[in-house]
Amino acid sequence: MPGKPLVKLCGKELVLHVWEGARRSGLADRLVVATDHEPIARLVEEAGGEAMMTPEGLATGNDRVAWVAERVPSRFVVNVQGDNPLVSPEILDPLIESLRESPDVTLAVPVKRIGTMEETEKKSVVKVAFGENGRALYFSRSIIPFSDDPATARFKHVGIYAWRRDALFEFASWPRSPLEKAESLEMLRLLEKGRAIRCVRTDVETIEIDTPDDVLSFERFFAGRA
């Protein structure tokens, strides 16, 4: 979807849905929209938000966030991807609390139980396996864990990353790892280095906008909630 952040959902640009949801967080001190696209920055600033232009060609969203974090003093850095119009404090604040409570955790991410086989089979839905303590074991675009039992619980990663600031810079300094390249999933760069990722379960509904069909799904959801 070229120009995806500017696609309108229910009459409002996607990036503004995300920005408005994120700014409701009770624990975040500063909200910056990081973009290399002038019209996006202009739209955010006209709405009263803060935008920062980043260089083109950064490898991943977390590399873009690291570039901004070098210019913004902080203890933690939360990367809210710009394609989740239903982001809310109910998702964001528990991640920040998780970092506060567990000094050994490098990164905290929200995970939600997958409800349908259709969602399970979509490559755009990132599946995650984690242990009893919430520590991530693996992320994949394939179906994990494998099971013929339809009642098997599977979880997806909701596209948000809550970092310790120093860990984000360390991540950005490493080259892309073999598993990261194979799955096109940057969290695997951390796991291959032996770093701990905490999975924080959420029941909050999310719809990530990747295709025109996702736009229609969001608008149906929004109409049903109104």
C-alpha atoms as a PDB file:
ATOM      1  CA  MET A   1       0.000   0.000   0.000  1.00  0.00           C
ATOM      2  CA  PRO A   2       2.044   2.980  -1.227  1.00  0.00           C
ATOM      3  CA  GLY A   3       1.652   5.994   1.058  1.00  0.00           C
ATOM      4  CA  LYS A   4      -0.057   3.798   3.664  1.00  0.00           C
ATOM      5  CA  PRO A   5       0.207   6.237   6.632  1.00  0.00           C
ATOM      6  CA  LEU A   6      -1.889   8.747   4.664  1.00  0.00           C
ATOM      7  CA  VAL A   7      -4.636   6.282   3.742  1.00  0.00           C
ATOM      8  CA  LYS A   8      -7.929   7.440   5.268  1.00  0.00           C
ATOM      9  CA  LEU A   9      -9.891   5.229   7.643  1.00  0.00           C
ATOM     10  CA  CYS A  10     -13.334   6.555   8.520  1.00  0.00           C
ATOM     11  CA  GLY A  11     -12.286   9.934   7.125  1.00  0.00           C
ATOM     12  CA  LYS A  12      -9.024  10.272   9.089  1.00  0.00           C
ATOM     13  CA  GLU A  13      -5.477   9.425   8.015  1.00  0.00           C
ATOM     14  CA  LEU A  14      -4.036   6.208   9.461  1.00  0.00           C
ATOM     15  CA  VAL A  15      -1.064   7.963  11.053  1.00  0.00           C
ATOM     16  CA  LEU A  16      -3.406  10.270  13.004  1.00  0.00           C
ATOM     17  CA  HIS A  17      -5.387   7.308  14.357  1.00  0.00           C
ATOM     18  CA  VAL A  18      -2.118   5.839  15.654  1.00  0.00           C
ATOM     19  CA  TRP A  19      -0.840   9.149  17.042  1.00  0.00           C
ATOM     20  CA  GLU A  20      -4.091   9.878  18.869  1.00  0.00           C
ATOM     21  CA  GLY A  21      -4.154   6.405  20.435  1.00  0.00           C
ATOM     22  CA  ALA A  22      -0.519   6.563  21.541  1.00  0.00           C
ATOM     23  CA  ARG A  23      -0.767  10.007  23.120  1.00  0.00           C
ATOM     24  CA  ARG A  24      -3.384   8.699  25.570  1.00  0.00           C
ATOM     25  CA  SER A  25      -0.685   6.670  27.358  1.00  0.00           C
ATOM     26  CA  GLY A  26      -0.406   7.583  31.014  1.00  0.00           C
ATOM     27  CA  LEU A  27       3.294   6.639  31.217  1.00  0.00           C
ATOM     28  CA  ALA A  28       4.809   8.072  28.029  1.00  0.00           C
ATOM     29  CA  ASP A  29       6.419  11.495  28.439  1.00  0.00           C
ATOM     30  CA  ARG A  30       6.968  12.416  24.801  1.00  0.00           C
ATOM     31  CA  LEU A  31       5.511  11.268  21.498  1.00  0.00           C
ATOM     32  CA  VAL A  32       7.419  11.693  18.235  1.00  0.00           C
ATOM     33  CA  VAL A  33       6.323  10.572  14.769  1.00  0.00           C
ATOM     34  CA  ALA A  34       9.439   9.395  12.922  1.00  0.00           C
ATOM     35  CA  THR A  35       9.170   9.570   9.132  1.00  0.00           C
ATOM     36  CA  ASP A  36      11.189  10.203   5.983  1.00  0.00           C
ATOM     37  CA  HIS A  37       8.101  11.499   4.182  1.00  0.00           C
ATOM     38  CA  GLU A  38       7.449  15.257   4.267  1.00  0.00           C
ATOM     39  CA  PRO A  39       3.627  15.098   3.832  1.00  0.00           C
ATOM     40  CA  ILE A  40       3.356  12.790   6.865  1.00  0.00           C
ATOM     41  CA  ALA A  41       5.440  15.110   9.033  1.00  0.00           C
ATOM     42  CA  ARG A  42       3.416  18.116   7.882  1.00  0.00           C
ATOM     43  CA  LEU A  43       0.092  16.393   8.614  1.00  0.00           C
ATOM     44  CA  VAL A  44       1.178  15.442  12.152  1.00  0.00           C
ATOM     45  CA  GLU A  45       2.465  18.934  12.921  1.00  0.00           C
ATOM     46  CA  GLU A  46      -0.743  20.525  11.632  1.00  0.00           C
ATOM     47  CA  ALA A  47      -2.653  18.261  14.055  1.00  0.00           C
ATOM     48  CA  GLY A  48      -0.511  19.558  16.933  1.00  0.00           C
ATOM     49  CA  GLY A  49       1.944  16.648  17.131  1.00  0.00           C
ATOM     50  CA  GLU A  50       5.728  16.421  16.930  1.00  0.00           C
ATOM     51  CA  ALA A  51       7.383  14.861  13.878  1.00  0.00           C
ATOM     52  CA  MET A  52      11.049  14.202  13.157  1.00  0.00           C
ATOM     53  CA  MET A  53      12.446  13.622   9.685  1.00  0.00           C
ATOM     54  CA  THR A  54      14.779  10.625   9.501  1.00  0.00           C
ATOM     55  CA  PRO A  55      17.204   9.526   6.777  1.00  0.00           C
ATOM     56  CA  GLU A  56      15.966   7.357   3.944  1.00  0.00           C
ATOM     57  CA  GLY A  57      17.236   3.811   3.668  1.00  0.00           C
ATOM     58  CA  LEU A  58      17.225   2.772   7.339  1.00  0.00           C
ATOM     59  CA  ALA A  59      16.932  -1.027   7.420  1.00  0.00           C
ATOM     60  CA  THR A  60      14.011  -1.467   9.839  1.00  0.00           C
ATOM     61  CA  GLY A  61      11.478   0.471  11.871  1.00  0.00           C
ATOM     62  CA  ASN A  62      13.523  -0.102  15.017  1.00  0.00           C
ATOM     63  CA  ASP A  63      16.613   1.309  13.281  1.00  0.00           C
ATOM     64  CA  ARG A  64      14.539   4.417  12.494  1.00  0.00           C
ATOM     65  CA  VAL A  65      13.413   4.667  16.117  1.00  0.00           C
ATOM     66  CA  ALA A  66      17.021   4.277  17.304  1.00  0.00           C
ATOM     67  CA  TRP A  67      18.053   7.203  15.093  1.00  0.00           C
ATOM     68  CA  VAL A  68      15.392   9.381  16.772  1.00  0.00           C
ATOM     69  CA  ALA A  69      16.224   8.078  20.264  1.00  0.00           C
ATOM     70  CA  GLU A  70      19.803   9.327  19.885  1.00  0.00           C
ATOM     71  CA  ARG A  71      18.308  12.825  19.797  1.00  0.00           C
ATOM     72  CA  VAL A  72      15.686  12.381  22.543  1.00  0.00           C
ATOM     73  CA  PRO A  73      16.850  11.701  26.141  1.00  0.00           C
ATOM     74  CA  SER A  74      14.887   8.865  27.727  1.00  0.00           C
ATOM     75  CA  ARG A  75      14.995   5.767  29.904  1.00  0.00           C
ATOM     76  CA  PHE A  76      12.756   3.619  27.735  1.00  0.00           C
ATOM     77  CA  VAL A  77      11.803   3.903  24.069  1.00  0.00           C
ATOM     78  CA  VAL A  78       8.514   2.502  22.741  1.00  0.00           C
ATOM     79  CA  ASN A  79       8.263   1.866  19.014  1.00  0.00           C
ATOM     80  CA  VAL A  80       4.611   2.059  17.976  1.00  0.00           C
ATOM     81  CA  GLN A  81       4.370   1.024  14.344  1.00  0.00           C
ATOM     82  CA  GLY A  82       2.316   3.359  12.217  1.00  0.00           C
ATOM     83  CA  ASP A  83      -0.085   0.731  10.891  1.00  0.00           C
ATOM     84  CA  ASN A  84      -2.006  -0.037  14.113  1.00  0.00           C
ATOM     85  CA  PRO A  85      -4.943   2.385  14.377  1.00  0.00           C
ATOM     86  CA  LEU A  86      -6.301   0.698  17.530  1.00  0.00           C
ATOM     87  CA  VAL A  87      -3.199   1.269  19.682  1.00  0.00           C
ATOM     88  CA  SER A  88      -4.176   2.312  23.211  1.00  0.00           C
ATOM     89  CA  PRO A  89      -2.844   2.798  26.759  1.00  0.00           C
ATOM     90  CA  GLU A  90      -4.224  -0.655  27.593  1.00  0.00           C
ATOM     91  CA  ILE A  91      -1.519  -2.075  25.300  1.00  0.00           C
ATOM     92  CA  LEU A  92       1.274   0.463  25.812  1.00  0.00           C
ATOM     93  CA  ASP A  93       1.370   1.028  29.565  1.00  0.00           C
ATOM     94  CA  PRO A  94       1.754  -2.641  30.632  1.00  0.00           C
ATOM     95  CA  LEU A  95       4.837  -2.868  28.401  1.00  0.00           C
ATOM     96  CA  ILE A  96       6.467   0.091  30.131  1.00  0.00           C
ATOM     97  CA  GLU A  97       5.556  -1.374  33.530  1.00  0.00           C
ATOM     98  CA  SER A  98       7.175  -4.658  32.481  1.00  0.00           C
ATOM     99  CA  LEU A  99      10.488  -2.894  31.810  1.00  0.00           C
ATOM    100  CA  ARG A 100      10.273  -1.082  35.136  1.00  0.00           C
ATOM    101  CA  GLU A 101       9.687  -4.314  37.044  1.00  0.00           C
ATOM    102  CA  SER A 102      12.217  -6.594  35.277  1.00  0.00           C
ATOM    103  CA  PRO A 103      15.733  -5.167  34.819  1.00  0.00           C
ATOM    104  CA  ASP A 104      16.834  -8.270  32.875  1.00  0.00           C
ATOM    105  CA  VAL A 105      14.314  -7.667  30.091  1.00  0.00           C
ATOM    106  CA  THR A 106      15.818  -6.038  27.005  1.00  0.00           C
ATOM    107  CA  LEU A 107      12.585  -5.665  25.077  1.00  0.00           C
ATOM    108  CA  ALA A 108       8.885  -6.109  25.924  1.00  0.00           C
ATOM    109  CA  VAL A 109       6.296  -6.838  23.240  1.00  0.00           C
ATOM    110  CA  PRO A 110       2.515  -7.369  23.397  1.00  0.00           C
ATOM    111  CA  VAL A 111       1.129 -10.715  22.286  1.00  0.00           C
ATOM    112  CA  LYS A 112      -2.482 -11.715  21.687  1.00  0.00           C
ATOM    113  CA  ARG A 113      -4.095 -15.097  21.245  1.00  0.00           C
ATOM    114  CA  ILE A 114      -4.945 -15.845  17.614  1.00  0.00           C
ATOM    115  CA  GLY A 115      -8.648 -16.416  17.148  1.00  0.00           C
ATOM    116  CA  THR A 116      -8.998 -17.958  13.681  1.00  0.00           C
ATOM    117  CA  MET A 117      -7.184 -20.411  11.424  1.00  0.00           C
ATOM    118  CA  GLU A 118      -7.291 -17.789   8.654  1.00  0.00           C
ATOM    119  CA  GLU A 119      -5.227 -15.450  10.820  1.00  0.00           C
ATOM    120  CA  THR A 120      -2.908 -18.299  11.821  1.00  0.00           C
ATOM    121  CA  GLU A 121      -2.089 -19.051   8.193  1.00  0.00           C
ATOM    122  CA  LYS A 122      -1.388 -15.446   7.127  1.00  0.00           C
ATOM    123  CA  LYS A 123       2.319 -14.758   6.637  1.00  0.00           C
ATOM    124  CA  SER A 124       1.751 -11.131   7.647  1.00  0.00           C
ATOM    125  CA  VAL A 125       0.692 -12.325  11.128  1.00  0.00           C
ATOM    126  CA  VAL A 126       3.841 -12.909  13.193  1.00  0.00           C
ATOM    127  CA  LYS A 127       3.472 -15.926  15.455  1.00  0.00           C
ATOM    128  CA  VAL A 128       5.386 -16.221  18.738  1.00  0.00           C
ATOM    129  CA  ALA A 129       6.145 -19.042  21.161  1.00  0.00           C
ATOM    130  CA  PHE A 130       7.041 -18.168  24.752  1.00  0.00           C
ATOM    131  CA  GLY A 131       7.678 -19.881  28.076  1.00  0.00           C
ATOM    132  CA  GLU A 132       5.774 -19.832  31.361  1.00  0.00           C
ATOM    133  CA  ASN A 133       7.607 -16.689  32.491  1.00  0.00           C
ATOM    134  CA  GLY A 134       6.693 -14.873  29.263  1.00  0.00           C
ATOM    135  CA  ARG A 135      10.190 -15.099  27.820  1.00  0.00           C
ATOM    136  CA  ALA A 136      10.082 -15.338  24.026  1.00  0.00           C
ATOM    137  CA  LEU A 137      11.411 -18.559  22.523  1.00  0.00           C
ATOM    138  CA  TYR A 138      10.901 -17.813  18.826  1.00  0.00           C
ATOM    139  CA  PHE A 139       9.030 -15.614  16.352  1.00  0.00           C
ATOM    140  CA  SER A 140       7.968 -16.867  12.924  1.00  0.00           C
ATOM    141  CA  ARG A 141       5.715 -16.201   9.960  1.00  0.00           C
ATOM    142  CA  SER A 142       5.063 -19.945   9.892  1.00  0.00           C
ATOM    143  CA  ILE A 143       2.579 -21.697  12.166  1.00  0.00           C
ATOM    144  CA  ILE A 144       4.132 -22.273  15.597  1.00  0.00           C
ATOM    145  CA  PRO A 145       3.737 -24.369  17.591  1.00  0.00           C
ATOM    146  CA  PHE A 146       2.853 -27.095  15.091  1.00  0.00           C
ATOM    147  CA  SER A 147      -0.157 -29.176  16.108  1.00  0.00           C
ATOM    148  CA  ASP A 148      -3.078 -30.928  14.456  1.00  0.00           C
ATOM    149  CA  ASP A 149      -5.245 -30.087  17.467  1.00  0.00           C
ATOM    150  CA  PRO A 150      -7.503 -27.114  16.567  1.00  0.00           C
ATOM    151  CA  ALA A 151      -7.624 -26.151  20.243  1.00  0.00           C
ATOM    152  CA  THR A 152      -3.876 -25.442  20.365  1.00  0.00           C
ATOM    153  CA  ALA A 153      -3.237 -21.940  21.701  1.00  0.00           C
ATOM    154  CA  ARG A 154      -1.215 -19.786  19.328  1.00  0.00           C
ATOM    155  CA  PHE A 155      -0.218 -16.174  19.824  1.00  0.00           C
ATOM    156  CA  LYS A 156       0.684 -13.303  17.531  1.00  0.00           C
ATOM    157  CA  HIS A 157       2.987 -10.362  18.092  1.00  0.00           C
ATOM    158  CA  VAL A 158       1.167  -7.024  18.028  1.00  0.00           C
ATOM    159  CA  GLY A 159       3.497  -4.575  16.258  1.00  0.00           C
ATOM    160  CA  ILE A 160       4.806  -2.599  19.251  1.00  0.00           C
ATOM    161  CA  TYR A 161       8.269  -2.730  20.861  1.00  0.00           C
ATOM    162  CA  ALA A 162       9.167  -1.341  24.303  1.00  0.00           C
ATOM    163  CA  TRP A 163      12.945  -1.029  24.607  1.00  0.00           C
ATOM    164  CA  ARG A 164      15.518  -0.204  27.201  1.00  0.00           C
ATOM    165  CA  ARG A 165      17.238   2.730  25.544  1.00  0.00           C
ATOM    166  CA  ASP A 166      20.775   1.281  25.664  1.00  0.00           C
ATOM    167  CA  ALA A 167      19.530  -2.057  24.340  1.00  0.00           C
ATOM    168  CA  LEU A 168      17.926  -0.318  21.359  1.00  0.00           C
ATOM    169  CA  PHE A 169      21.244   1.307  20.456  1.00  0.00           C
ATOM    170  CA  GLU A 170      23.036  -2.027  20.845  1.00  0.00           C
ATOM    171  CA  PHE A 171      20.477  -3.687  18.575  1.00  0.00           C
ATOM    172  CA  ALA A 172      20.922  -0.995  15.929  1.00  0.00           C
ATOM    173  CA  SER A 173      24.710  -1.462  15.986  1.00  0.00           C
ATOM    174  CA  TRP A 174      24.517  -5.147  15.054  1.00  0.00           C
ATOM    175  CA  PRO A 175      24.292  -6.385  11.451  1.00  0.00           C
ATOM    176  CA  ARG A 176      21.124  -8.212  10.431  1.00  0.00           C
ATOM    177  CA  SER A 177      21.294 -11.812  11.625  1.00  0.00           C
ATOM    178  CA  PRO A 178      20.745 -14.997   9.567  1.00  0.00           C
ATOM    179  CA  LEU A 179      17.389 -15.887  11.143  1.00  0.00           C
ATOM    180  CA  GLU A 180      16.249 -12.267  10.933  1.00  0.00           C
ATOM    181  CA  LYS A 181      16.949 -12.276   7.203  1.00  0.00           C
ATOM    182  CA  ALA A 182      15.275 -15.653   6.703  1.00  0.00           C
ATOM    183  CA  GLU A 183      12.045 -14.684   8.487  1.00  0.00           C
ATOM    184  CA  SER A 184      12.247 -10.927   7.854  1.00  0.00           C
ATOM    185  CA  LEU A 185      11.682 -10.423  11.613  1.00  0.00           C
ATOM    186  CA  GLU A 186      14.012  -8.105  13.480  1.00  0.00           C
ATOM    187  CA  MET A 187      13.226  -9.577  16.940  1.00  0.00           C
ATOM    188  CA  LEU A 188      15.287 -12.604  15.927  1.00  0.00           C
ATOM    189  CA  ARG A 189      18.401 -10.411  15.870  1.00  0.00           C
ATOM    190  CA  LEU A 190      18.034 -10.141  19.663  1.00  0.00           C
ATOM    191  CA  LEU A 191      17.248 -13.809  20.254  1.00  0.00           C
ATOM    192  CA  GLU A 192      20.291 -14.876  18.249  1.00  0.00           C
ATOM    193  CA  LYS A 193      22.389 -12.705  20.567  1.00  0.00           C
ATOM    194  CA  GLY A 194      20.841 -14.386  23.620  1.00  0.00           C
ATOM    195  CA  ARG A 195      18.897 -11.332  24.794  1.00  0.00           C
ATOM    196  CA  ALA A 196      15.623 -11.665  26.744  1.00  0.00           C
ATOM    197  CA  ILE A 197      12.354 -10.556  25.173  1.00  0.00           C
ATOM    198  CA  ARG A 198       9.309 -10.419  27.462  1.00  0.00           C
ATOM    199  CA  CYS A 199       5.928 -11.259  25.947  1.00  0.00           C
ATOM    200  CA  VAL A 200       3.109  -9.357  27.666  1.00  0.00           C
ATOM    201  CA  ARG A 201      -0.311 -10.860  26.980  1.00  0.00           C
ATOM    202  CA  THR A 202      -3.155  -8.582  25.964  1.00  0.00           C
ATOM    203  CA  ASP A 203      -6.794  -9.153  25.085  1.00  0.00           C
ATOM    204  CA  VAL A 204      -7.149  -5.759  23.400  1.00  0.00           C
ATOM    205  CA  GLU A 205      -8.349  -6.084  19.807  1.00  0.00           C
ATOM    206  CA  THR A 206      -5.985  -4.807  17.115  1.00  0.00           C
ATOM    207  CA  ILE A 207      -6.200  -4.487  13.351  1.00  0.00           C
ATOM    208  CA  GLU A 208      -2.923  -3.848  11.548  1.00  0.00           C
ATOM    209  CA  ILE A 209      -3.364  -2.177   8.172  1.00  0.00           C
ATOM    210  CA  ASP A 210      -1.391  -4.031   5.491  1.00  0.00           C
ATOM    211  CA  THR A 211      -3.905  -4.329   2.640  1.00  0.00           C
ATOM    212  CA  PRO A 212      -7.047  -2.581   1.334  1.00  0.00           C
ATOM    213  CA  ASP A 213      -9.057  -5.429   2.900  1.00  0.00           C
ATOM    214  CA  ASP A 214      -7.655  -4.427   6.305  1.00  0.00           C
ATOM    215  CA  VAL A 215      -9.034  -0.920   5.761  1.00  0.00           C
ATOM    216  CA  LEU A 216     -12.487  -2.402   5.243  1.00  0.00           C
ATOM    217  CA  SER A 217     -12.074  -4.600   8.343  1.00  0.00           C
ATOM    218  CA  PHE A 218     -11.186  -1.565  10.435  1.00  0.00           C
ATOM    219  CA  GLU A 219     -14.135   0.439   9.164  1.00  0.00           C
ATOM    220  CA  ARG A 220     -16.527  -2.425   9.923  1.00  0.00           C
ATOM    221  CA  PHE A 221     -15.031  -2.734  13.417  1.00  0.00           C
ATOM    222  CA  PHE A 222     -15.229   1.001  13.989  1.00  0.00           C
ATOM    223  CA  ALA A 223     -18.857   1.121  12.814  1.00  0.00           C
ATOM    224  CA  GLY A 224     -19.769  -1.689  15.172  1.00  0.00           C
ATOM    225  CA  ARG A 225     -18.121   0.067  18.119  1.00  0.00           C
ATOM    226  CA  ALA A 226     -19.726   3.466  17.434  1.00  0.00           C
END
